[in-house]
């Protein structure tokens, strides 16, 4: 193991910037250099793959060629990896991933003040919108009475809405959260599923439960459900009700008909919000023209009390591959 104090990492690494945008990281200790770049440059290749930058080694230096922002990110990652090698005597793949994520998180923290109005603080985590459209969506969730949002999976439509609703419930700004979905899936019907009504509909509503459990402890969510502060029900159960002091979310609204969406929207009562979310590219209705989601946007989008937010693949915040998949399907449908 190299006998260098982690506190002296800076003095063992020298950073030289060139006019052509190349950043050279010069190592004073060759053993440390070999530890960081890995056998056959494997660590550098992994770092290059994660950051999509041009990284190579020459002599006692690591050369980074990218834009200024990414150069700084990789510079900090290499410093982190050098410290890991000195402490542990080895560098694993997870260390390389952490070296990048750590400083991406640090950058987000540095932008905290700039984004503070959009941060949603829940008991388990602070939720931060990651795109300009997500910021617009969060602002609409707080300011508008009715919000209609469309876009592909992974854009945060449901999760952000549930997060805002939960904070309003915990702050006693509303008395109840209602989460709903049409019980319609491709080729499936409730009558053929085993169990009582709750057991039949729960699989359709599971994503809503998942969002709640990600933001508040399981036991607390269950207690809120038991006392009626949080209600999760199929869309059909909403007929004939008036929602007061409530935050109601209709998820997967692309599978609701024009009549059903009208029914849901007209449930709104005093001190209430209604959110309608869906992905028009994933309609499971036997006749896709029956979906009322796009029609609701056209009919109501001009009203000042109603906000419309349209997400696309650039707003996907799940695995990067999800965004590529969404774009590929979108491009094909436009051909």
Protein backbone atom coordinates (compact mmCIF):
# COMPACT_ATOMS: atom_id res chain seq x y z
CA UNK A 1 0.00 0.00 0.00
CA UNK A 2 1.30 3.47 -0.93
CA UNK A 3 2.38 5.54 2.02
CA UNK A 4 0.86 8.87 1.10
CA UNK A 5 -1.56 10.67 3.35
CA UNK A 6 -4.95 11.26 1.65
CA UNK A 7 -4.61 14.86 2.83
CA UNK A 8 -1.50 15.21 0.64
CA UNK A 9 -3.22 14.00 -2.54
CA UNK A 10 -3.27 17.52 -3.97
CA UNK A 11 0.53 17.88 -3.65
CA UNK A 12 1.03 14.54 -5.45
CA UNK A 13 -1.19 15.53 -8.37
CA UNK A 14 -0.56 18.48 -10.65
CA UNK A 15 -3.24 19.81 -13.00
CA UNK A 16 -2.15 21.56 -16.20
CA UNK A 17 -4.62 23.17 -18.61
CA UNK A 18 -3.76 23.51 -22.32
CA UNK A 19 -5.12 25.98 -24.84
CA UNK A 20 -6.72 23.16 -26.87
CA UNK A 21 -9.02 22.22 -23.98
CA UNK A 22 -6.91 19.30 -22.73
CA UNK A 23 -6.43 18.87 -18.98
CA UNK A 24 -3.31 16.95 -17.92
CA UNK A 25 -3.25 15.28 -14.51
CA UNK A 26 0.43 14.75 -13.69
CA UNK A 27 1.31 12.16 -11.03
CA UNK A 28 4.40 12.51 -8.84
CA UNK A 29 4.15 8.84 -7.82
CA UNK A 30 4.10 6.19 -10.58
CA UNK A 31 2.62 3.49 -8.32
CA UNK A 32 -0.30 5.79 -7.61
CA UNK A 33 -0.71 6.46 -11.34
CA UNK A 34 -0.77 2.73 -12.13
CA UNK A 35 -3.30 2.14 -9.36
CA UNK A 36 -5.62 4.84 -10.69
CA UNK A 37 -5.48 3.88 -14.38
CA UNK A 38 -5.78 0.15 -13.57
CA UNK A 39 -4.45 -2.92 -15.35
CA UNK A 40 -4.51 -2.40 -19.14
CA UNK A 41 -6.02 1.04 -18.46
CA UNK A 42 -9.29 -0.65 -17.41
CA UNK A 43 -10.18 2.04 -14.86
CA UNK A 44 -9.67 4.82 -17.38
CA UNK A 45 -11.80 3.00 -19.94
CA UNK A 46 -14.61 2.66 -17.39
CA UNK A 47 -14.32 6.34 -16.45
CA UNK A 48 -14.33 7.27 -20.13
CA UNK A 49 -17.43 5.13 -20.70
CA UNK A 50 -19.34 6.72 -17.81
CA UNK A 51 -18.42 10.32 -18.60
CA UNK A 52 -18.37 10.01 -22.42
CA UNK A 53 -15.15 12.02 -22.46
CA UNK A 54 -11.80 11.39 -24.14
CA UNK A 55 -9.40 10.08 -21.44
CA UNK A 56 -5.96 8.55 -22.02
CA UNK A 57 -2.62 8.08 -20.27
CA UNK A 58 0.82 9.16 -21.45
CA UNK A 59 3.99 8.87 -19.42
CA UNK A 60 3.21 9.96 -15.87
CA UNK A 61 0.02 11.81 -16.85
CA UNK A 62 -3.67 11.24 -17.49
CA UNK A 63 -4.99 13.39 -20.34
CA UNK A 64 -8.62 14.55 -20.39
CA UNK A 65 -10.14 16.22 -23.41
CA UNK A 66 -13.72 17.47 -23.10
CA UNK A 67 -15.59 20.67 -22.28
CA UNK A 68 -14.54 22.67 -19.24
CA UNK A 69 -17.37 21.46 -17.02
CA UNK A 70 -16.69 17.79 -17.72
CA UNK A 71 -12.93 18.28 -17.38
CA UNK A 72 -13.50 19.56 -13.84
CA UNK A 73 -15.81 16.63 -13.06
CA UNK A 74 -13.21 14.08 -14.21
CA UNK A 75 -10.41 15.96 -12.44
CA UNK A 76 -12.30 15.62 -9.14
CA UNK A 77 -13.12 11.98 -9.93
CA UNK A 78 -9.42 11.16 -10.44
CA UNK A 79 -8.53 12.88 -7.20
CA UNK A 80 -11.22 10.78 -5.47
CA UNK A 81 -9.91 7.55 -7.05
CA UNK A 82 -6.35 8.37 -6.02
CA UNK A 83 -7.53 8.76 -2.45
CA UNK A 84 -9.43 5.46 -2.64
CA UNK A 85 -6.33 3.66 -3.92
CA UNK A 86 -4.15 5.07 -1.16
CA UNK A 87 -6.64 4.06 1.54
CA UNK A 88 -7.73 0.65 0.20
CA UNK A 89 -4.87 -0.39 -2.08
CA UNK A 90 -7.32 -1.12 -4.90
CA UNK A 91 -10.01 0.49 -7.04
CA UNK A 92 -13.24 -1.33 -7.89
CA UNK A 93 -15.84 -0.54 -10.53
CA UNK A 94 -18.22 0.82 -7.87
CA UNK A 95 -15.49 3.30 -6.82
CA UNK A 96 -15.31 4.62 -10.38
CA UNK A 97 -19.09 5.06 -10.53
CA UNK A 98 -19.05 6.74 -7.11
CA UNK A 99 -16.20 9.05 -8.18
CA UNK A 100 -18.44 10.55 -10.86
CA UNK A 101 -21.74 10.48 -8.96
CA UNK A 102 -20.21 12.12 -5.90
CA UNK A 103 -19.26 15.27 -7.77
CA UNK A 104 -22.44 15.35 -9.81
CA UNK A 105 -24.29 15.37 -6.48
CA UNK A 106 -21.96 18.07 -5.18
CA UNK A 107 -22.83 20.16 -8.22
CA UNK A 108 -26.53 19.73 -7.49
CA UNK A 109 -25.94 20.84 -3.91
CA UNK A 110 -24.13 23.93 -5.22
CA UNK A 111 -27.23 24.73 -7.26
CA UNK A 112 -29.47 24.26 -4.21
CA UNK A 113 -30.18 27.94 -3.64
CA UNK A 114 -31.04 28.46 -7.29
CA UNK A 115 -33.57 25.61 -7.23
CA UNK A 116 -34.87 26.00 -3.69
CA UNK A 117 -38.37 27.07 -4.72
CA UNK A 118 -38.77 23.79 -6.62
CA UNK A 119 -37.49 21.43 -3.92
CA UNK A 120 -40.14 19.15 -2.42
CA UNK A 121 -39.20 18.09 1.12
CA UNK A 122 -40.74 14.81 2.23
CA UNK A 123 -39.93 12.81 5.39
CA UNK A 124 -37.70 10.32 3.56
CA UNK A 125 -36.05 12.52 0.94
CA UNK A 126 -35.93 15.88 -0.77
CA UNK A 127 -37.22 15.64 -4.31
CA UNK A 128 -35.51 17.97 -6.81
CA UNK A 129 -36.86 18.49 -10.35
CA UNK A 130 -34.17 17.62 -12.90
CA UNK A 131 -35.37 19.43 -16.00
CA UNK A 132 -36.94 22.77 -16.86
CA UNK A 133 -40.25 21.07 -17.67
CA UNK A 134 -40.20 19.29 -14.32
CA UNK A 135 -39.70 22.67 -12.65
CA UNK A 136 -42.64 24.07 -14.60
CA UNK A 137 -44.68 21.02 -13.57
CA UNK A 138 -43.86 21.44 -9.87
CA UNK A 139 -44.72 25.13 -10.06
CA UNK A 140 -48.04 24.25 -11.71
CA UNK A 141 -48.77 21.61 -9.06
CA UNK A 142 -48.41 24.28 -6.40
CA UNK A 143 -50.21 27.13 -8.16
CA UNK A 144 -52.91 25.70 -10.45
CA UNK A 145 -56.20 24.05 -9.54
CA UNK A 146 -56.11 21.52 -12.36
CA UNK A 147 -52.96 20.16 -14.01
CA UNK A 148 -52.90 17.97 -17.11
CA UNK A 149 -49.56 16.40 -17.99
CA UNK A 150 -48.57 14.03 -20.76
CA UNK A 151 -45.33 12.32 -21.63
CA UNK A 152 -43.42 9.03 -21.63
CA UNK A 153 -42.61 6.79 -18.70
CA UNK A 154 -39.89 8.00 -16.36
CA UNK A 155 -40.54 11.74 -16.67
CA UNK A 156 -41.73 12.07 -13.07
CA UNK A 157 -45.39 12.86 -13.76
CA UNK A 158 -46.80 10.65 -11.02
CA UNK A 159 -43.89 10.78 -8.57
CA UNK A 160 -43.68 14.58 -8.45
CA UNK A 161 -47.45 14.93 -8.12
CA UNK A 162 -47.54 12.42 -5.25
CA UNK A 163 -44.61 14.22 -3.57
CA UNK A 164 -46.35 17.62 -3.72
CA UNK A 165 -49.63 16.08 -2.54
CA UNK A 166 -47.92 14.38 0.41
CA UNK A 167 -46.21 17.57 1.57
CA UNK A 168 -49.53 19.43 1.40
CA UNK A 169 -51.19 16.68 3.46
CA UNK A 170 -48.45 16.68 6.10
CA UNK A 171 -48.56 20.51 6.24
CA UNK A 172 -52.36 20.27 6.76
CA UNK A 173 -53.05 22.33 3.63
CA UNK A 174 -55.39 19.57 2.49
CA UNK A 175 -57.20 16.79 4.36
CA UNK A 176 -56.94 13.94 1.92
CA UNK A 177 -55.03 12.52 -1.06
CA UNK A 178 -56.96 10.51 -3.64
CA UNK A 179 -54.93 8.42 -6.10
CA UNK A 180 -56.78 6.80 -8.96
CA UNK A 181 -56.22 4.80 -12.13
CA UNK A 182 -58.47 3.29 -14.78
CA UNK A 183 -58.54 -0.48 -14.23
CA UNK A 184 -57.68 -1.17 -17.86
CA UNK A 185 -54.62 -3.01 -19.10
CA UNK A 186 -53.73 -4.65 -22.37
CA UNK A 187 -55.93 -7.71 -22.90
CA UNK A 188 -56.85 -8.09 -19.21
CA UNK A 189 -60.16 -7.82 -17.40
CA UNK A 190 -60.81 -7.58 -13.65
CA UNK A 191 -63.42 -10.35 -13.63
CA UNK A 192 -60.84 -12.94 -14.57
CA UNK A 193 -58.49 -12.04 -11.72
CA UNK A 194 -58.64 -13.97 -8.40
CA UNK A 195 -59.67 -12.50 -5.04
CA UNK A 196 -62.02 -9.81 -3.77
CA UNK A 197 -62.32 -6.34 -5.33
CA UNK A 198 -59.30 -4.91 -3.51
CA UNK A 199 -57.14 -7.86 -4.51
CA UNK A 200 -58.36 -7.47 -8.11
CA UNK A 201 -57.52 -3.76 -8.41
CA UNK A 202 -54.36 -3.56 -6.28
CA UNK A 203 -52.02 -4.71 -9.09
CA UNK A 204 -53.25 -1.78 -11.21
CA UNK A 205 -52.63 0.66 -8.39
CA UNK A 206 -49.26 -0.71 -7.26
CA UNK A 207 -47.18 2.09 -8.88
CA UNK A 208 -49.09 4.61 -6.78
CA UNK A 209 -48.28 2.68 -3.60
CA UNK A 210 -44.63 2.51 -4.67
CA UNK A 211 -44.43 6.30 -5.01
CA UNK A 212 -45.91 6.77 -1.54
CA UNK A 213 -43.58 4.24 0.09
CA UNK A 214 -40.59 5.98 -1.50
CA UNK A 215 -41.54 9.23 0.27
CA UNK A 216 -42.91 8.15 3.65
CA UNK A 217 -42.40 5.11 5.90
CA UNK A 218 -44.54 2.06 5.11
CA UNK A 219 -46.23 2.02 8.53
CA UNK A 220 -47.16 5.70 8.32
CA UNK A 221 -48.59 5.28 4.83
CA UNK A 222 -50.64 2.29 5.99
CA UNK A 223 -51.99 4.27 8.95
CA UNK A 224 -52.94 7.18 6.67
CA UNK A 225 -54.73 4.76 4.36
CA UNK A 226 -56.58 3.14 7.28
CA UNK A 227 -57.89 6.44 8.63
CA UNK A 228 -58.80 7.69 5.15
CA UNK A 229 -56.21 10.46 4.75
CA UNK A 230 -54.91 8.62 1.69
CA UNK A 231 -57.31 6.81 -0.62
CA UNK A 232 -56.26 4.67 -3.57
CA UNK A 233 -59.12 3.59 -5.80
CA UNK A 234 -60.05 2.70 -9.39
CA UNK A 235 -61.44 5.54 -11.47
CA UNK A 236 -64.91 3.97 -11.54
CA UNK A 237 -65.19 4.52 -7.77
CA UNK A 238 -64.97 8.31 -8.18
CA UNK A 239 -68.37 8.76 -9.82
CA UNK A 240 -70.89 10.84 -7.88
CA UNK A 241 -68.38 12.31 -5.41
CA UNK A 242 -67.32 15.89 -4.67
CA UNK A 243 -63.74 16.29 -3.51
CA UNK A 244 -63.19 19.04 -0.93
CA UNK A 245 -59.85 19.87 0.71
CA UNK A 246 -58.31 17.16 -1.43
CA UNK A 247 -55.48 16.50 -3.84
CA UNK A 248 -56.67 14.00 -6.46
CA UNK A 249 -54.38 12.37 -9.03
CA UNK A 250 -55.58 10.36 -12.02
CA UNK A 251 -52.68 8.26 -13.27
CA UNK A 252 -52.50 6.42 -16.62
CA UNK A 253 -55.21 8.75 -17.92
CA UNK A 254 -54.54 7.69 -21.52
CA UNK A 255 -56.70 4.66 -20.64
CA UNK A 256 -59.64 6.83 -19.53
CA UNK A 257 -62.35 7.79 -21.98
CA UNK A 258 -63.45 11.33 -22.68
CA UNK A 259 -66.50 10.82 -20.44
CA UNK A 260 -64.41 9.38 -17.59
CA UNK A 261 -61.91 12.26 -17.61
CA UNK A 262 -64.77 14.77 -17.65
CA UNK A 263 -66.29 12.91 -14.69
CA UNK A 264 -63.00 13.02 -12.77
CA UNK A 265 -62.32 16.70 -13.46
CA UNK A 266 -65.81 17.72 -12.38
CA UNK A 267 -65.28 16.11 -8.95
CA UNK A 268 -63.25 19.17 -7.95
CA UNK A 269 -64.52 20.99 -4.88
CA UNK A 270 -63.45 23.75 -2.51
CA UNK A 271 -59.70 23.96 -1.74
CA UNK A 272 -58.86 21.05 -4.03
CA UNK A 273 -56.45 20.18 -6.80
CA UNK A 274 -56.83 17.65 -9.57
CA UNK A 275 -53.96 16.19 -11.59
CA UNK A 276 -54.45 14.13 -14.75
CA UNK A 277 -51.35 12.26 -15.98
CA UNK A 278 -50.85 9.96 -18.92
CA UNK A 279 -48.77 8.76 -21.85
CA UNK A 280 -50.68 8.98 -25.15
CA UNK A 281 -48.27 6.49 -26.72
CA UNK A 282 -49.38 3.71 -24.33
CA UNK A 283 -53.15 3.51 -24.80
CA UNK A 284 -54.52 0.07 -23.84
CA UNK A 285 -58.15 0.74 -24.72
CA UNK A 286 -59.54 -1.61 -27.41
CA UNK A 287 -60.28 1.48 -29.52
CA UNK A 288 -57.46 3.97 -29.08
CA UNK A 289 -59.63 6.82 -30.37
CA UNK A 290 -61.73 6.51 -27.20
CA UNK A 291 -58.90 7.92 -25.06
CA UNK A 292 -59.89 11.33 -23.69
CA UNK A 293 -56.46 12.57 -22.56
CA UNK A 294 -55.43 14.60 -25.61
CA UNK A 295 -58.97 15.91 -26.05
CA UNK A 296 -58.95 17.24 -22.47
CA UNK A 297 -55.78 19.22 -23.24
CA UNK A 298 -57.31 20.75 -26.36
CA UNK A 299 -60.60 21.66 -24.67
CA UNK A 300 -59.24 22.99 -21.38
CA UNK A 301 -55.64 24.08 -21.95
CA UNK A 302 -56.60 27.72 -22.58
CA UNK A 303 -58.19 28.19 -19.13
CA UNK A 304 -56.03 30.20 -16.71
CA UNK A 305 -56.88 27.90 -13.79
CA UNK A 306 -55.61 24.86 -15.72
CA UNK A 307 -51.96 24.12 -16.51
CA UNK A 308 -50.82 21.76 -19.26
CA UNK A 309 -47.30 20.29 -19.23
CA UNK A 310 -46.02 18.10 -22.07
CA UNK A 311 -42.92 16.03 -21.30
CA UNK A 312 -40.70 14.25 -23.84
CA UNK A 313 -37.76 11.81 -23.82
CA UNK A 314 -35.33 14.56 -22.71
CA UNK A 315 -37.17 14.73 -19.36
CA UNK A 316 -36.77 11.00 -18.57
CA UNK A 317 -34.97 10.60 -15.23
CA UNK A 318 -34.77 6.82 -15.01
CA UNK A 319 -31.95 4.74 -16.50
CA UNK A 320 -30.39 6.63 -19.48
CA UNK A 321 -31.39 3.72 -21.71
CA UNK A 322 -35.08 4.50 -21.03
CA UNK A 323 -34.72 7.88 -22.72
CA UNK A 324 -33.11 6.25 -25.77
CA UNK A 325 -35.88 3.63 -25.96
CA UNK A 326 -38.59 6.28 -25.69
CA UNK A 327 -36.96 8.38 -28.42
CA UNK A 328 -36.57 5.38 -30.73
CA UNK A 329 -40.27 4.50 -30.47
CA UNK A 330 -41.26 8.15 -30.84
CA UNK A 331 -39.13 8.57 -33.96
CA UNK A 332 -40.66 5.43 -35.49
CA UNK A 333 -44.22 6.63 -34.85
CA UNK A 334 -43.41 9.92 -36.56
CA UNK A 335 -42.09 8.21 -39.71
